C-alpha atoms as a PDB file:
ATOM      1  CA  MET A   1     -85.689-160.409 204.902  1.00  0.00           C
ATOM      2  CA  ALA A   2     -85.687-164.166 204.303  1.00  0.00           C
ATOM      3  CA  GLU A   3     -82.447-165.930 203.479  1.00  0.00           C
ATOM      4  CA  LYS A   4     -82.193-166.860 199.798  1.00  0.00           C
ATOM      5  CA  SER A   5     -81.816-170.475 198.927  1.00  0.00           C
ATOM      6  CA  GLY A   6     -80.636-172.241 195.825  1.00  0.00           C
ATOM      7  CA  PRO A   7     -78.103-171.010 193.268  1.00  0.00           C
ATOM      8  CA  GLU A   8     -79.115-167.334 193.684  1.00  0.00           C
ATOM      9  CA  LYS A   9     -77.555-167.425 197.122  1.00  0.00           C
ATOM     10  CA  TYR A  10     -74.089-168.076 195.668  1.00  0.00           C
ATOM     11  CA  ALA A  11     -74.357-165.990 192.460  1.00  0.00           C
ATOM     12  CA  PRO A  12     -72.225-162.846 192.137  1.00  0.00           C
ATOM     13  CA  PRO A  13     -74.164-159.693 193.094  1.00  0.00           C
ATOM     14  CA  ASP A  14     -74.412-158.457 189.513  1.00  0.00           C
ATOM     15  CA  ARG A  15     -76.004-161.753 188.392  1.00  0.00           C
ATOM     16  CA  ARG A  16     -78.539-162.124 191.184  1.00  0.00           C
ATOM     17  CA  PRO A  17     -82.195-161.493 190.367  1.00  0.00           C
ATOM     18  CA  PRO A  18     -83.344-158.018 191.379  1.00  0.00           C
ATOM     19  CA  GLU A  19     -84.886-157.478 194.779  1.00  0.00           C
ATOM     20  CA  LYS A  20     -88.653-157.018 194.928  1.00  0.00           C
ATOM     21  CA  GLN A  21     -89.509-153.501 193.820  1.00  0.00           C
ATOM     22  CA  SER A  22     -91.414-151.086 196.004  1.00  0.00           C
ATOM     23  CA  ASN A  23     -95.019-150.184 195.157  1.00  0.00           C
ATOM     24  CA  VAL A  24     -93.976-146.873 193.596  1.00  0.00           C
ATOM     25  CA  ASP A  25     -91.335-148.567 191.455  1.00  0.00           C
ATOM     26  CA  GLN A  26     -93.806-151.290 190.474  1.00  0.00           C
ATOM     27  CA  THR A  27     -96.424-148.698 189.494  1.00  0.00           C
ATOM     28  CA  THR A  28     -93.893-146.809 187.404  1.00  0.00           C
ATOM     29  CA  ALA A  29     -92.690-150.023 185.786  1.00  0.00           C
ATOM     30  CA  ASN A  30     -96.283-151.007 184.944  1.00  0.00           C
ATOM     31  CA  ALA A  31     -96.954-147.582 183.420  1.00  0.00           C
ATOM     32  CA  VAL A  32     -93.802-147.731 181.311  1.00  0.00           C
ATOM     33  CA  GLU A  33     -94.585-151.277 180.237  1.00  0.00           C
ATOM     34  CA  GLY A  34     -98.119-150.235 179.264  1.00  0.00           C
ATOM     35  CA  GLY A  35     -96.698-147.342 177.239  1.00  0.00           C
ATOM     36  CA  ILE A  36     -94.349-149.699 175.442  1.00  0.00           C
ATOM     37  CA  ARG A  37     -97.189-152.110 174.677  1.00  0.00           C
ATOM     38  CA  GLU A  38     -99.317-149.261 173.277  1.00  0.00           C
ATOM     39  CA  PHE A  39     -96.397-148.052 171.169  1.00  0.00           C
ATOM     40  CA  VAL A  40     -95.828-151.544 169.774  1.00  0.00           C
ATOM     41  CA  ARG A  41     -99.547-151.912 168.995  1.00  0.00           C
ATOM     42  CA  ARG A  42     -99.562-148.615 167.083  1.00  0.00           C
ATOM     43  CA  ASP A  43     -96.361-149.571 165.290  1.00  0.00           C
ATOM     44  CA  VAL A  44     -97.758-152.959 164.292  1.00  0.00           C
ATOM     45  CA  SER A  45    -101.017-151.387 163.092  1.00  0.00           C
ATOM     46  CA  PHE A  46     -98.976-148.975 160.988  1.00  0.00           C
ATOM     47  CA  LEU A  47     -97.155-151.906 159.384  1.00  0.00           C
ATOM     48  CA  ASP A  48    -100.388-153.823 158.699  1.00  0.00           C
ATOM     49  CA  PRO A  49    -102.623-151.514 156.617  1.00  0.00           C
ATOM     50  CA  ARG A  50    -105.565-153.928 156.724  1.00  0.00           C
ATOM     51  CA  ARG A  51    -105.656-153.762 160.510  1.00  0.00           C
ATOM     52  CA  ASN A  52    -105.360-149.957 160.410  1.00  0.00           C
ATOM     53  CA  GLU A  53    -108.314-149.715 157.985  1.00  0.00           C
ATOM     54  CA  VAL A  54    -110.405-151.942 160.235  1.00  0.00           C
ATOM     55  CA  ALA A  55    -109.545-149.858 163.295  1.00  0.00           C
ATOM     56  CA  THR A  56    -110.428-146.614 161.466  1.00  0.00           C
ATOM     57  CA  ALA A  57    -113.693-148.040 160.171  1.00  0.00           C
ATOM     58  CA  ILE A  58    -114.625-149.182 163.651  1.00  0.00           C
ATOM     59  CA  ASP A  59    -113.720-145.950 165.458  1.00  0.00           C
ATOM     60  CA  PRO A  60    -114.148-142.650 163.540  1.00  0.00           C
ATOM     61  CA  ALA A  61    -113.128-140.779 166.677  1.00  0.00           C
ATOM     62  CA  VAL A  62    -109.601-142.030 166.038  1.00  0.00           C
ATOM     63  CA  GLU A  63    -109.595-140.291 162.658  1.00  0.00           C
ATOM     64  CA  ASN A  64    -110.895-137.084 164.244  1.00  0.00           C
ATOM     65  CA  LEU A  65    -108.182-137.275 166.869  1.00  0.00           C
ATOM     66  CA  ASN A  66    -105.563-137.850 164.183  1.00  0.00           C
ATOM     67  CA  GLY A  67    -106.809-134.766 162.345  1.00  0.00           C
ATOM     68  CA  VAL A  68    -106.640-132.643 165.492  1.00  0.00           C
ATOM     69  CA  VAL A  69    -103.136-133.872 166.264  1.00  0.00           C
ATOM     70  CA  ARG A  70    -102.078-133.188 162.672  1.00  0.00           C
ATOM     71  CA  ARG A  71    -103.464-129.614 162.805  1.00  0.00           C
ATOM     72  CA  VAL A  72    -101.800-128.925 166.140  1.00  0.00           C
ATOM     73  CA  ALA A  73     -98.523-130.338 164.853  1.00  0.00           C
ATOM     74  CA  ASP A  74     -98.788-128.265 161.653  1.00  0.00           C
ATOM     75  CA  ASN A  75     -99.438-125.099 163.657  1.00  0.00           C
ATOM     76  CA  SER A  76     -96.501-125.880 165.903  1.00  0.00           C
ATOM     77  CA  MET A  77     -94.231-126.542 162.947  1.00  0.00           C
ATOM     78  CA  GLU A  78     -95.284-123.288 161.291  1.00  0.00           C
ATOM     79  CA  GLU A  79     -94.595-121.395 164.508  1.00  0.00           C
ATOM     80  CA  ILE A  80     -91.184-123.048 164.819  1.00  0.00           C
ATOM     81  CA  ASP A  81     -90.411-122.080 161.210  1.00  0.00           C
ATOM     82  CA  ARG A  82     -91.450-118.475 161.931  1.00  0.00           C
ATOM     83  CA  VAL A  83     -89.211-118.388 165.000  1.00  0.00           C
ATOM     84  CA  ILE A  84     -86.302-119.810 162.990  1.00  0.00           C
ATOM     85  CA  ARG A  85     -86.762-117.159 160.290  1.00  0.00           C
ATOM     86  CA  ALA A  86     -86.948-114.416 162.931  1.00  0.00           C
ATOM     87  CA  LEU A  87     -83.793-115.704 164.605  1.00  0.00           C
ATOM     88  CA  GLU A  88     -82.003-115.815 161.261  1.00  0.00           C
ATOM     89  CA  GLY A  89     -83.037-112.194 160.686  1.00  0.00           C
ATOM     90  CA  VAL A  90     -81.725-111.229 164.117  1.00  0.00           C
ATOM     91  CA  ARG A  91     -78.476-113.097 163.395  1.00  0.00           C
ATOM     92  CA  ASP A  92     -78.026-111.168 160.112  1.00  0.00           C
ATOM     93  CA  MET A  93     -78.788-107.876 161.832  1.00  0.00           C
ATOM     94  CA  MET A  94     -76.315-108.671 164.627  1.00  0.00           C
ATOM     95  CA  ARG A  95     -73.649-109.590 162.072  1.00  0.00           C
ATOM     96  CA  LYS A  96     -74.173-106.300 160.188  1.00  0.00           C
ATOM     97  CA  GLU A  97     -74.167-104.312 163.431  1.00  0.00           C
ATOM     98  CA  GLY A  98     -70.972-106.076 164.516  1.00  0.00           C
ATOM     99  CA  GLU A  99     -69.303-105.119 161.248  1.00  0.00           C
ATOM    100  CA  ARG A 100     -70.523-101.513 161.617  1.00  0.00           C
ATOM    101  CA  VAL A 101     -69.248-101.301 165.201  1.00  0.00           C
ATOM    102  CA  SER A 102     -65.891-102.726 164.069  1.00  0.00           C
ATOM    103  CA  ARG A 103     -65.661-100.025 161.394  1.00  0.00           C
ATOM    104  CA  GLU A 104     -66.584 -97.339 163.939  1.00  0.00           C
ATOM    105  CA  ILE A 105     -63.940 -98.602 166.375  1.00  0.00           C
ATOM    106  CA  ALA A 106     -61.327 -98.666 163.600  1.00  0.00           C
ATOM    107  CA  GLY A 107     -62.254 -95.065 162.696  1.00  0.00           C
ATOM    108  CA  TYR A 108     -62.061 -94.027 166.333  1.00  0.00           C
ATOM    109  CA  ALA A 109     -58.661 -95.709 166.732  1.00  0.00           C
ATOM    110  CA  SER A 110     -57.377 -93.919 163.623  1.00  0.00           C
ATOM    111  CA  LEU A 111     -58.707 -90.564 164.836  1.00  0.00           C
ATOM    112  CA  SER A 112     -57.275 -91.178 168.302  1.00  0.00           C
ATOM    113  CA  HIS A 113     -53.861 -91.992 166.824  1.00  0.00           C
ATOM    114  CA  ALA A 114     -53.964 -88.843 164.665  1.00  0.00           C
ATOM    115  CA  ALA A 115     -54.935 -86.723 167.702  1.00  0.00           C
ATOM    116  CA  THR A 116     -52.123 -88.220 169.785  1.00  0.00           C
ATOM    117  CA  THR A 117     -49.607 -87.535 167.017  1.00  0.00           C
ATOM    118  CA  ALA A 118     -50.865 -83.951 166.674  1.00  0.00           C
ATOM    119  CA  MET A 119     -50.595 -83.443 170.447  1.00  0.00           C
ATOM    120  CA  LYS A 120     -46.997 -84.680 170.402  1.00  0.00           C
ATOM    121  CA  VAL A 121     -46.121 -82.289 167.548  1.00  0.00           C
ATOM    122  CA  ILE A 122     -47.747 -79.392 169.410  1.00  0.00           C
ATOM    123  CA  ALA A 123     -46.002 -80.325 172.674  1.00  0.00           C
ATOM    124  CA  ASP A 124     -42.629 -80.547 170.901  1.00  0.00           C
ATOM    125  CA  SER A 125     -43.216 -77.161 169.241  1.00  0.00           C
ATOM    126  CA  ILE A 126     -44.116 -75.546 172.575  1.00  0.00           C
ATOM    127  CA  LYS A 127     -41.057 -77.073 174.218  1.00  0.00           C
ATOM    128  CA  GLN A 128     -38.780 -75.742 171.455  1.00  0.00           C
ATOM    129  CA  TRP A 129     -40.410 -72.350 171.710  1.00  0.00           C
ATOM    130  CA  LYS A 130     -39.884 -72.241 175.497  1.00  0.00           C
ATOM    131  CA  ASP A 131     -36.269 -73.430 175.254  1.00  0.00           C
ATOM    132  CA  ALA A 132     -35.327 -70.895 172.527  1.00  0.00           C
ATOM    133  CA  PRO A 133     -33.561 -67.738 173.736  1.00  0.00           C
ATOM    134  CA  ASP A 134     -35.819 -64.761 173.962  1.00  0.00           C
ATOM    135  CA  LYS A 135     -34.667 -62.238 171.306  1.00  0.00           C
ATOM    136  CA  SER A 136     -37.009 -59.507 172.455  1.00  0.00           C
ATOM    137  CA  ARG A 137     -35.229 -59.082 175.805  1.00  0.00           C
ATOM    138  CA  PRO A 138     -31.906 -57.356 175.829  1.00  0.00           C
ATOM    139  CA  ARG A 139     -29.013 -59.537 176.836  1.00  0.00           C
ATOM    140  CA  SER A 140     -27.243 -58.699 179.942  1.00  0.00           C
ATOM    141  CA  GLU A 141     -23.808 -57.418 179.291  1.00  0.00           C
ATOM    142  CA  SER A 142     -21.033 -59.292 180.825  1.00  0.00           C
END
């Protein structure tokens, strides 16, 4: 690499001109630059209706292409709207199912609590019954 001369040699690194780009970088830069130029041309033609009319009159294929793009975009938008409506339906169904499951769980918890309470009452009754003196057996005489 050749030694730089002039003021670039003494400039801070962030102010030095960029190094020469590789072929791949240059190709990419040219493609991006071309895309920007095309975008600006379309934008300018949109702002100048006279130029747009001239371009359409000269090339009817452009109008056909615009129609195709518009139809494809409309179909895509309709499909996106259908998907959104379907997802909203699924969201509503999931919300309702969540509420139903919550009610079922609350019912199960209530039933479980009632069963546990009943089991405790039964266990206490059995314990009292076992601990009570047996009146059917004669007592041993002391």
